[in-house]
Amino acid sequence: MKKELMLSIIQKRWVMLCLFVMMCIFGYYSWKQLSIEAYPDIADVTSQVVTQVPGLAAEEVEQQITIPLERAINGLPGMHVMRSKSTFGLSMITIVFKDGTEDYWSRQRVQERLNEVELPYGAVPGLDPLTSPVGEVYRYIIESDQHSLRELTDLQNWVIIPRIKEVSGVADVTNFGGITTQFQVEVDPSKLEQYNLSLSQVVEAIENNNANVGGSVLNRGDLGYVVRGIGLIGNLDDLGHIVVSTTSGVPVFLNDIGSLKYGNLERKGVLGYTDRTRNYSESLEGIVLLLKHENPSKVLEDIHVAVDELNNETLPEGVRIHTFLDRTNLVDTTLSTVSHTLLMGMALVVLVLILFLGNWRGALLVSITIPVSLLIAFILMHLTDIPANLLSLGAIDFGIIVDGAIVMLETILKKREDNPKQYLEEKSMAQRAKEVGRPILFSTIVIITAYLPLFAFERVERKLFTPMAFTMSYAMIGALLVALLLIPGLAYAIYRKPHKIYKNKWLDRLKDKYIRTITRFLEAPLKAIIPSGLILTAGIVLSVVVGKDFLPELDEGSIWLQVNLPPGISVEKSRELSDTLRARTMKYSEVTYIMVQAGRNDDGTDPFTPSHFEVSIGIKPYDEWPKGKTKKDLIHELEEEYKLLPGFKVGFSQPMIDGVMDKIAGAHSELVVKVYGEDFRETRRIAEEITRALGTVRGAVDLDIDQEPPLPQLQISMNRDAIARYGLNVSDVADLIEVAVGGKAIAQLYQGDRQYGITCKYKEEARNTPEKIAGLMLTSSTGAKIPLSQVADVRLSVGESTITREMNRRHLTVKLNLRGRDLTSFLNEAQNTINEKVHYDKNKYTIKWGGAFENQKRAYTRLAVIIPLTLTGMFILLYVTFGKFRQAGLVLAIVPLALFGGMLALNVRGMTLNVSSAVGFIAMFGLSIQNGIIMVSQVNGLRRGGMELRKSVIEGARQRFRPILMTSITTILGLFPASLATGIGSDVQRPLATVIVYGLMFSTLISMFLLPAFYYLVENNVLNKKKNDEKEYTI
């Protein structure tokens, strides 16, 4: 920086102060506008195509719905992978897009392809709401001791959900459980025979007697009357008085051929809920989905207002909404953890400043860098739409932020200490500030450069760490502005008058010992090579033996279970098993509630049967647990408890990460092994062998095949020859099966703003056994009655429950989680075990790992490229700073030596090398280089002033001793609380902070002791070579 610019900054110090005050005000405003969330949304950009075909088996859904849709979607621009699930009555296709694809653009491309497809059965594919796997921000149940489950369901569908969906930012509200009302016509087959009627006549009569029409306008004088024909069915009486036919002039009403009743949509699932004061074997739940990219905190505030309004003003007396999962709690807990950690770090930094500087004025001046830099960061975050979350805020090290201010203040303070009885001049202060301005600028750029690799990540790791890189870079920009534009003027204002100087005696003694040690090092600089070699070797060894993972587990403060039960169980049996599971779980005092979703929701958009549970378990805050007990301990206890339940296969996860992994890997687990092949039996045999083989590998838990086993089916195989012989069509047989057995929705009934389905089917007694179904009568064109068994083969068999595909290939998925072992060592053993124990035709079948394995491989491949590129970038910056390749290489040589401290800390603390700790290493390398820049710049400046090499190294070390020590200790203490934190939200912070804290401890020692020795060794050799060259030239 030019001296004139620095002089102007000092002279206009009060103008600068006013500018920063204005920025702080805008920074506070920006903070209030920021989107605040617990964790970043790490899910990929996805679109899900949902197509319902009631009554169709999985095989038919795959063949006639899923495959045509897949073919239409193939080649979609930006598509990364396409997965599908075909199950009873439902097709779900998930399209995962590449990074950078815009949500609305991707959905538009999908919709264009869907518009080109015509599907049978009148099926219409639709897109799921624009939300995210982490978008389930609010869950509630509806409770009442005065109203039936049917009444509560009506309130849910027609009162509660519409009100909550009015909230801006709510994508959808999904209902689970309850009883969805239908108006049902149950036909008696014997009455059809008595009146010589067919089922198709009944359906046609209902359809023809349920309509309102418009008759344009009737003009009478000056008035025009809108003509309405009102003929909609309004209630059961209207329905019962529909005339189906006449016999001898006597009308045959619908009432005459069957019973009419308030029924319900066939239940595909049931919800159970239990907490410390409630126990509902059957209840109903609302799941509020957040619109993607909305501010969750703001949306949740509005949801709270809507729920309070419903509870206090709208709902009938005795009906209340009870919230059991609210993302606000997680956001508050996470922010509390982050705030506690940051405040502790800030307090430690201020204490260190007071201890080193010896006066509160200097410490206060430096410490204002912290809030001002944060507020400037908030401005930039607001302008670039970076949300505030655990990582974007939690990774900020206040010690790093104040480093530049410390160096600037220390330089000015040194001027004051050298001239304690003189007034300081603005020009001399500007000269001092100019000398350190360039090192501060370039050391800040180096630190920001250290965070640039995070932008090269992909998918999960990119979404997780990019906000941190932005926030830290923004904070460093703010800190740089404060150090260069604000500190010089305010420091001059504080120290320009003569006053008593605080003498830090213990620091002076420490400095003297340090200088004596440096002097001895310079007497034999080659001795520094031995400890350097040992440190480097130890660092390499530790990096080889340390465990390696993808990411540390993100603790959400709750537990999520995926439970598989014996296939084919009924909804009623599923409810009984739900009661058992809830009772067993509530035995543990740490559990606050348990919610069980058995099967699928009534709208049919979940691909599960009653044999599958999704379970949410709430737990108390950790400070209320017995001392020493952890979440892992509770999971182990629950795991042992569930082993006592016959037929239960339980997988443990967490609500948000469960949904994310389902989108990433196609299964609700940390790791997956996919078996690709067309033959169902062989792929299941291979998957079962893999499951058994992995069961022998230490660390593998929650092993299961993701797709449910084949289910029992009643197959009705039509005989085309027999159908033709009786003058029937295949559609006649299909209609009998669909309507009489399945119960077809054929019309709608409106009551005010409420809408209900009208269904028609045979009464239960006529279709409750295979034999009775085989005896159902068809009516030929001649009026003859033909039993179904005459035109079709009715038999019991088995068929696929769910058929999954990925990129147009069928596959089965073995899902598993990892516990008590690092990912890399587990994968090596697991892959070898599968190769040895699982035998299959490799030409027809393929085995592929996915999930965390795929993520780790991708992230480590990126790191292998971007870390060398980052170091190259740092080298270029160092060369620009010093103008000499040898000095740039000398400072950069600190990096591999600094590796030792971080690796030692990971091994001692039992942590693994993962993306979070790797990010910590990248940041620590930048900080280590910063210390080297400060040291070498000072020595170079002294040499340019004419000082001899050895003296300049010693004097430079003396002058930079306090600022290097202060910056390092403040940086270490700034993140020290985060390295020890254990609360919710600390999981990703902890390994990152651990690496920086302990790595910087060692790299600081290296910078302070080994760097001066190597600098002297290298520069002395250069000088000696020049002298020899001059002698040879003279001779």
Foldseek 3Di string as FASTA:
>chain_A
DDLVVLLVLQVCQVVLVVVLVVLLVVLVVLVVVFQFAAFFQQFFQKKKKKKFAAQDAQVCCCVFPVVVLLVLCPPQPQWDWKKWKGFHRMIMIMTGGFPPDDNVVSVVSSVVSQVVDDGPPPIRIDIDFQFGLQFQFWKWWKDFPPDDLQVVVCCVVPPQQVLLVVQPFWRGKDKFFGFAKFKEQAFALVLCVVVLHDPVLLLVQQLVQADKDWDAWDDDPPDIHTDIRHRHDFDVVSQQQGFSQADPNHTDTSVNGTDIDTHTFPDFWFKWKDFPVDGGLGTMMMGTGGRPLDRLVVSLVVSVVSQCCCAPPNDDPRMHIGIDGHSVVLSVQLVVLLVVLQVQLLVLLLVLCCLQQVDNVLSVLLSVLVSSLQSQLSSVCSVVNQHDYLQQRNQAFVLLLSLLQLQLLLQLVVVCVVPQAAQDDSSVLSVSNVLCLLLLVLLLVLLLLLLVLLCVATRSSNSRCVSNSSSNNSSSVSSSCCSSNNSSNVSSVVRRHRDDGDDNVVVVVVLVVLLVQQLVCQVPVVVLVVVLVVLLVLLVVLQVPFFEFAAFAFDSQWKKKKKFFAPDDDNVVLSVVVSVLQVLLNVDVQWRMKMKIAGDGSVPRDLGGSRIIIMITHGDFPVPDPPPDDPVNSVVVSVVSCVPPPRIQMDMDHSSVQSSLCSFPVARAQKKKKKFFDDPVVQVVLLVQLLVLLVVFPFWGSKDWRFHAWYKDWDKAFAVVLCVVLQHDPVQVVCLCCAAPVWDFSDWHDDPPDIHTYTYYHDCVQHVDLVSQQQNWTQHPVSDTDGSVRGIPTDMDIDGRMWMDMSRTTIIMIHTYGDDHGDPVRVVVSVVSSVVRRDDDVVRMDIDMTHRVVSQVSRVVSCVPVVVVSLVVQLVSLCVLVVDNVLSVLLLSLLSSLSSQLSVLCVVVVHHDHPLLVSLSSSLSSVLSSLLSQLVSQLVVVVVVPDDNVVSLSVSLSSCVSSLVSSLSSSLSSLVSLLVDDGRSSRSSNSSSSSNNRSSVRSSVCSNRSSSSVVSVVVVVVVVVVVVVVVVVVD
